[in-house]
């Protein structure tokens, strides 16, 4: 029977490995199949949740996915890659071909301003002088934990004009019960490769911030209306979740 209303899904997981596995299993059963009209892999099919929230209670316990011995498929990420990704998140460095990086938006955000000089359109970058990670640490250390204002933003209104706007839009934070917790929103999110690397890197950022603030490391709760599997990964997901006989229509 065809679905005629949204089906939000909530997933409770112990650690990041468990979260990835549970999301794979759930999306194979309850994902929506559609053809991509605009975006990555345009023209191909994607399997996607209508909306999902994922609560990870102990993200530091097992950060990278564990691939069973003999499964015969490569792990989607590694700790070496996640440690490299951490430097990407904590610095503003970017190449000339990149419109942005998450690290730039977090620690060295810039507003792009279009100007016309001598008939030529030029784009100038104006530094916003706000290291959001350090500002959030400062808020909690100097003004206490009772606030809802310690949120770090990745997205900007002008991102609508980009060919590849940021997938991660928001990192909200809370210190409660003696722990630092992250609340994330992804507008679009590749479940096979992006999910484990993104959450692994952000978990390391959270650990760093918790130590600087002087509290324990807490949970991650992530939300997305675009957590998906590209068609090339469907069979990989079936192998990992032992659902080889499942038919995706």
Protein backbone atom coordinates (compact mmCIF):
# COMPACT_ATOMS: atom_id res chain seq x y z
CA UNK A 1 0.00 0.00 0.00
CA UNK A 2 1.34 3.40 -0.96
CA UNK A 3 2.09 5.80 1.85
CA UNK A 4 0.16 9.08 1.88
CA UNK A 5 1.60 10.73 4.98
CA UNK A 6 4.99 11.24 6.59
CA UNK A 7 6.38 8.47 8.77
CA UNK A 8 8.81 9.89 11.34
CA UNK A 9 11.19 7.33 12.84
CA UNK A 10 13.00 7.47 16.19
CA UNK A 11 16.03 5.31 16.88
CA UNK A 12 17.57 4.68 20.31
CA UNK A 13 21.17 3.48 20.16
CA UNK A 14 23.90 2.63 22.67
CA UNK A 15 26.92 3.90 20.73
CA UNK A 16 27.78 5.17 17.24
CA UNK A 17 28.34 1.68 15.82
CA UNK A 18 24.92 0.61 17.11
CA UNK A 19 23.31 3.79 15.73
CA UNK A 20 24.69 3.18 12.24
CA UNK A 21 23.55 -0.45 12.20
CA UNK A 22 20.07 0.37 13.48
CA UNK A 23 19.64 3.16 10.91
CA UNK A 24 20.67 0.84 8.08
CA UNK A 25 18.24 -1.82 9.23
CA UNK A 26 15.38 0.64 9.69
CA UNK A 27 15.83 2.49 6.39
CA UNK A 28 15.76 -0.77 4.41
CA UNK A 29 12.36 -1.52 5.96
CA UNK A 30 10.83 1.98 6.06
CA UNK A 31 12.71 4.18 3.61
CA UNK A 32 11.05 6.09 0.76
CA UNK A 33 12.42 5.49 -2.75
CA UNK A 34 12.61 8.43 -5.15
CA UNK A 35 14.59 9.76 -8.09
CA UNK A 36 16.95 12.65 -7.33
CA UNK A 37 15.88 15.72 -9.34
CA UNK A 38 18.54 18.01 -7.90
CA UNK A 39 21.61 17.26 -5.81
CA UNK A 40 24.31 14.61 -5.55
CA UNK A 41 23.87 11.66 -7.95
CA UNK A 42 21.16 13.54 -9.87
CA UNK A 43 18.95 11.16 -11.86
CA UNK A 44 19.66 8.16 -9.63
CA UNK A 45 17.46 6.66 -6.94
CA UNK A 46 17.74 7.26 -3.24
CA UNK A 47 16.23 5.46 -0.23
CA UNK A 48 15.40 8.00 2.46
CA UNK A 49 13.63 8.45 5.78
CA UNK A 50 10.77 10.96 5.79
CA UNK A 51 12.22 12.24 9.05
CA UNK A 52 14.44 10.58 11.63
CA UNK A 53 15.81 11.29 15.07
CA UNK A 54 18.72 9.25 16.39
CA UNK A 55 19.63 9.26 20.07
CA UNK A 56 23.10 7.93 20.88
CA UNK A 57 23.51 7.46 24.63
CA UNK A 58 27.23 6.56 24.78
CA UNK A 59 28.81 7.87 21.56
CA UNK A 60 32.36 7.58 22.92
CA UNK A 61 32.04 3.84 23.59
CA UNK A 62 32.48 2.65 19.97
CA UNK A 63 33.01 5.47 17.50
CA UNK A 64 33.58 3.61 14.21
CA UNK A 65 31.38 0.85 12.75
CA UNK A 66 32.48 -2.71 13.47
CA UNK A 67 32.42 -4.89 10.37
CA UNK A 68 32.00 -8.62 11.14
CA UNK A 69 34.91 -10.80 10.08
CA UNK A 70 34.34 -12.50 6.76
CA UNK A 71 31.59 -10.13 5.63
CA UNK A 72 33.67 -9.09 2.63
CA UNK A 73 32.70 -5.42 2.46
CA UNK A 74 34.92 -2.46 3.43
CA UNK A 75 34.29 -0.41 6.54
CA UNK A 76 32.77 2.99 5.68
CA UNK A 77 35.33 4.90 7.78
CA UNK A 78 38.28 4.48 10.15
CA UNK A 79 39.69 6.18 13.22
CA UNK A 80 42.57 7.53 11.14
CA UNK A 81 40.10 9.17 8.77
CA UNK A 82 38.01 10.56 11.64
CA UNK A 83 41.09 12.08 13.29
CA UNK A 84 41.93 13.78 9.98
CA UNK A 85 38.30 14.89 9.74
CA UNK A 86 38.62 16.40 13.23
CA UNK A 87 41.27 18.83 11.99
CA UNK A 88 38.85 19.76 9.19
CA UNK A 89 36.23 20.62 11.82
CA UNK A 90 38.54 22.63 14.10
CA UNK A 91 40.30 24.86 11.54
CA UNK A 92 39.14 27.33 8.92
CA UNK A 93 41.43 26.03 6.20
CA UNK A 94 39.88 25.47 2.77
CA UNK A 95 41.10 25.10 -0.79
CA UNK A 96 40.43 27.55 -3.62
CA UNK A 97 37.87 25.14 -5.07
CA UNK A 98 35.81 24.92 -1.86
CA UNK A 99 32.96 27.33 -1.18
CA UNK A 100 33.13 26.49 2.53
CA UNK A 101 34.15 23.86 5.05
CA UNK A 102 32.39 23.00 8.29
CA UNK A 103 35.52 24.11 10.13
CA UNK A 104 35.50 27.49 8.41
CA UNK A 105 31.85 28.02 9.37
CA UNK A 106 32.60 27.02 12.96
CA UNK A 107 35.83 28.84 13.73
CA UNK A 108 36.44 31.41 10.96
CA UNK A 109 33.03 32.23 9.43
CA UNK A 110 32.94 34.74 6.58
CA UNK A 111 30.11 36.52 4.82
CA UNK A 112 30.43 36.76 1.06
CA UNK A 113 29.58 40.17 -0.39
CA UNK A 114 29.03 40.82 -4.10
CA UNK A 115 30.37 44.13 -5.37
CA UNK A 116 30.48 45.73 -8.82
CA UNK A 117 33.71 47.63 -9.44
CA UNK A 118 34.46 49.16 -12.86
CA UNK A 119 31.66 47.08 -14.34
CA UNK A 120 33.03 43.81 -12.99
CA UNK A 121 31.26 41.71 -10.38
CA UNK A 122 33.59 40.77 -7.56
CA UNK A 123 33.01 38.65 -4.46
CA UNK A 124 34.60 39.82 -1.24
CA UNK A 125 34.78 37.76 1.95
CA UNK A 126 34.14 39.64 5.19
CA UNK A 127 35.36 37.86 8.38
CA UNK A 128 32.69 37.66 11.09
CA UNK A 129 35.30 37.35 13.86
CA UNK A 130 33.48 34.62 15.79
CA UNK A 131 35.05 31.30 16.71
CA UNK A 132 31.82 29.57 17.65
CA UNK A 133 33.47 26.64 19.42
CA UNK A 134 35.49 28.89 21.70
CA UNK A 135 32.51 31.22 22.27
CA UNK A 136 30.29 28.35 23.42
CA UNK A 137 33.03 27.12 25.77
CA UNK A 138 33.35 30.67 27.13
CA UNK A 139 29.59 31.01 27.68
CA UNK A 140 29.41 27.84 29.77
CA UNK A 141 32.59 28.56 31.72
CA UNK A 142 31.79 32.18 32.58
CA UNK A 143 27.99 32.44 32.62
CA UNK A 144 26.76 29.05 33.76
CA UNK A 145 24.87 26.16 32.23
CA UNK A 146 21.30 27.52 32.36
CA UNK A 147 21.04 28.83 28.81
CA UNK A 148 19.54 27.90 25.45
CA UNK A 149 21.76 30.30 23.53
CA UNK A 150 24.90 28.18 23.06
CA UNK A 151 24.20 27.07 19.49
CA UNK A 152 26.70 26.85 16.62
CA UNK A 153 25.39 27.49 13.11
CA UNK A 154 26.79 26.11 9.87
CA UNK A 155 24.11 27.25 7.44
CA UNK A 156 23.74 30.73 5.94
CA UNK A 157 20.84 32.11 3.84
CA UNK A 158 23.14 32.48 0.82
CA UNK A 159 23.77 28.72 0.84
CA UNK A 160 20.61 28.35 -1.26
CA UNK A 161 22.61 29.69 -4.20
CA UNK A 162 25.35 27.05 -3.87
CA UNK A 163 25.47 23.93 -6.03
CA UNK A 164 26.43 21.90 -2.94
CA UNK A 165 25.13 23.63 0.21
CA UNK A 166 26.20 22.31 3.62
CA UNK A 167 24.46 19.14 4.78
CA UNK A 168 25.08 19.84 8.47
CA UNK A 169 23.22 23.02 9.38
CA UNK A 170 23.16 23.27 13.15
CA UNK A 171 25.05 22.08 16.22
CA UNK A 172 23.02 22.95 19.30
CA UNK A 173 24.47 22.26 22.73
CA UNK A 174 23.34 21.74 26.29
CA UNK A 175 25.09 21.10 29.59
CA UNK A 176 22.73 19.16 31.80
CA UNK A 177 23.23 16.48 34.46
CA UNK A 178 26.92 17.36 34.49
CA UNK A 179 27.45 16.46 30.82
CA UNK A 180 27.79 18.25 27.46
CA UNK A 181 25.27 17.04 24.89
CA UNK A 182 25.08 17.77 21.14
CA UNK A 183 21.85 18.22 19.16
CA UNK A 184 22.47 18.11 15.40
CA UNK A 185 20.41 18.85 12.31
CA UNK A 186 21.34 17.61 8.85
CA UNK A 187 19.26 18.79 5.86
CA UNK A 188 20.66 15.83 3.86
CA UNK A 189 22.85 12.98 5.08
CA UNK A 190 24.53 10.02 3.41
CA UNK A 191 23.92 7.09 5.75
CA UNK A 192 26.55 4.71 4.37
CA UNK A 193 29.67 6.88 4.37
CA UNK A 194 28.75 10.31 5.74
CA UNK A 195 26.90 9.31 8.93
CA UNK A 196 29.75 7.39 10.64
CA UNK A 197 32.46 9.89 9.66
CA UNK A 198 30.39 12.97 10.54
CA UNK A 199 29.28 11.67 13.92
CA UNK A 200 32.73 10.30 14.71
CA UNK A 201 34.35 13.68 14.07
CA UNK A 202 31.65 15.62 15.91
CA UNK A 203 31.96 13.26 18.88
CA UNK A 204 35.66 14.14 19.13
CA UNK A 205 34.75 17.85 18.98
CA UNK A 206 32.27 17.30 21.80
CA UNK A 207 34.87 15.50 23.89
CA UNK A 208 37.29 18.41 23.41
CA UNK A 209 34.65 20.97 24.37
CA UNK A 210 33.50 19.00 27.41
CA UNK A 211 37.06 18.82 28.71
CA UNK A 212 37.57 22.55 28.17
CA UNK A 213 34.29 23.37 29.93
CA UNK A 214 35.08 21.00 32.79
CA UNK A 215 32.11 18.64 32.46
CA UNK A 216 31.61 15.03 31.40
CA UNK A 217 30.99 13.94 27.83
CA UNK A 218 27.33 13.36 27.03
CA UNK A 219 24.88 12.18 24.39
CA UNK A 220 24.31 12.99 20.72
CA UNK A 221 20.79 13.46 19.37
CA UNK A 222 20.70 13.97 15.61
CA UNK A 223 17.74 14.81 13.39
CA UNK A 224 17.33 14.81 9.63
CA UNK A 225 14.63 14.86 6.99
CA UNK A 226 17.23 13.66 4.48
CA UNK A 227 19.11 10.67 5.93
CA UNK A 228 19.47 8.42 2.91
CA UNK A 229 21.15 5.54 1.10
CA UNK A 230 22.23 5.98 -2.50
CA UNK A 231 21.32 3.06 -4.74
CA UNK A 232 24.92 1.83 -4.98
CA UNK A 233 24.86 1.14 -1.22
CA UNK A 234 21.59 -0.80 -1.03
CA UNK A 235 23.19 -4.20 -1.46
CA UNK A 236 25.99 -3.27 0.97
CA UNK A 237 23.40 -2.34 3.58
CA UNK A 238 21.55 -5.60 3.00
CA UNK A 239 24.76 -7.56 3.53
CA UNK A 240 25.62 -5.70 6.73
CA UNK A 241 22.14 -6.14 8.21
CA UNK A 242 21.66 -9.73 6.93
CA UNK A 243 18.60 -8.74 4.87
CA UNK A 244 19.76 -10.10 1.52
CA UNK A 245 16.27 -11.27 0.56
CA UNK A 246 14.63 -7.88 1.12
CA UNK A 247 13.21 -6.31 -2.08
CA UNK A 248 13.32 -2.51 -2.46
CA UNK A 249 10.72 -1.17 -4.89
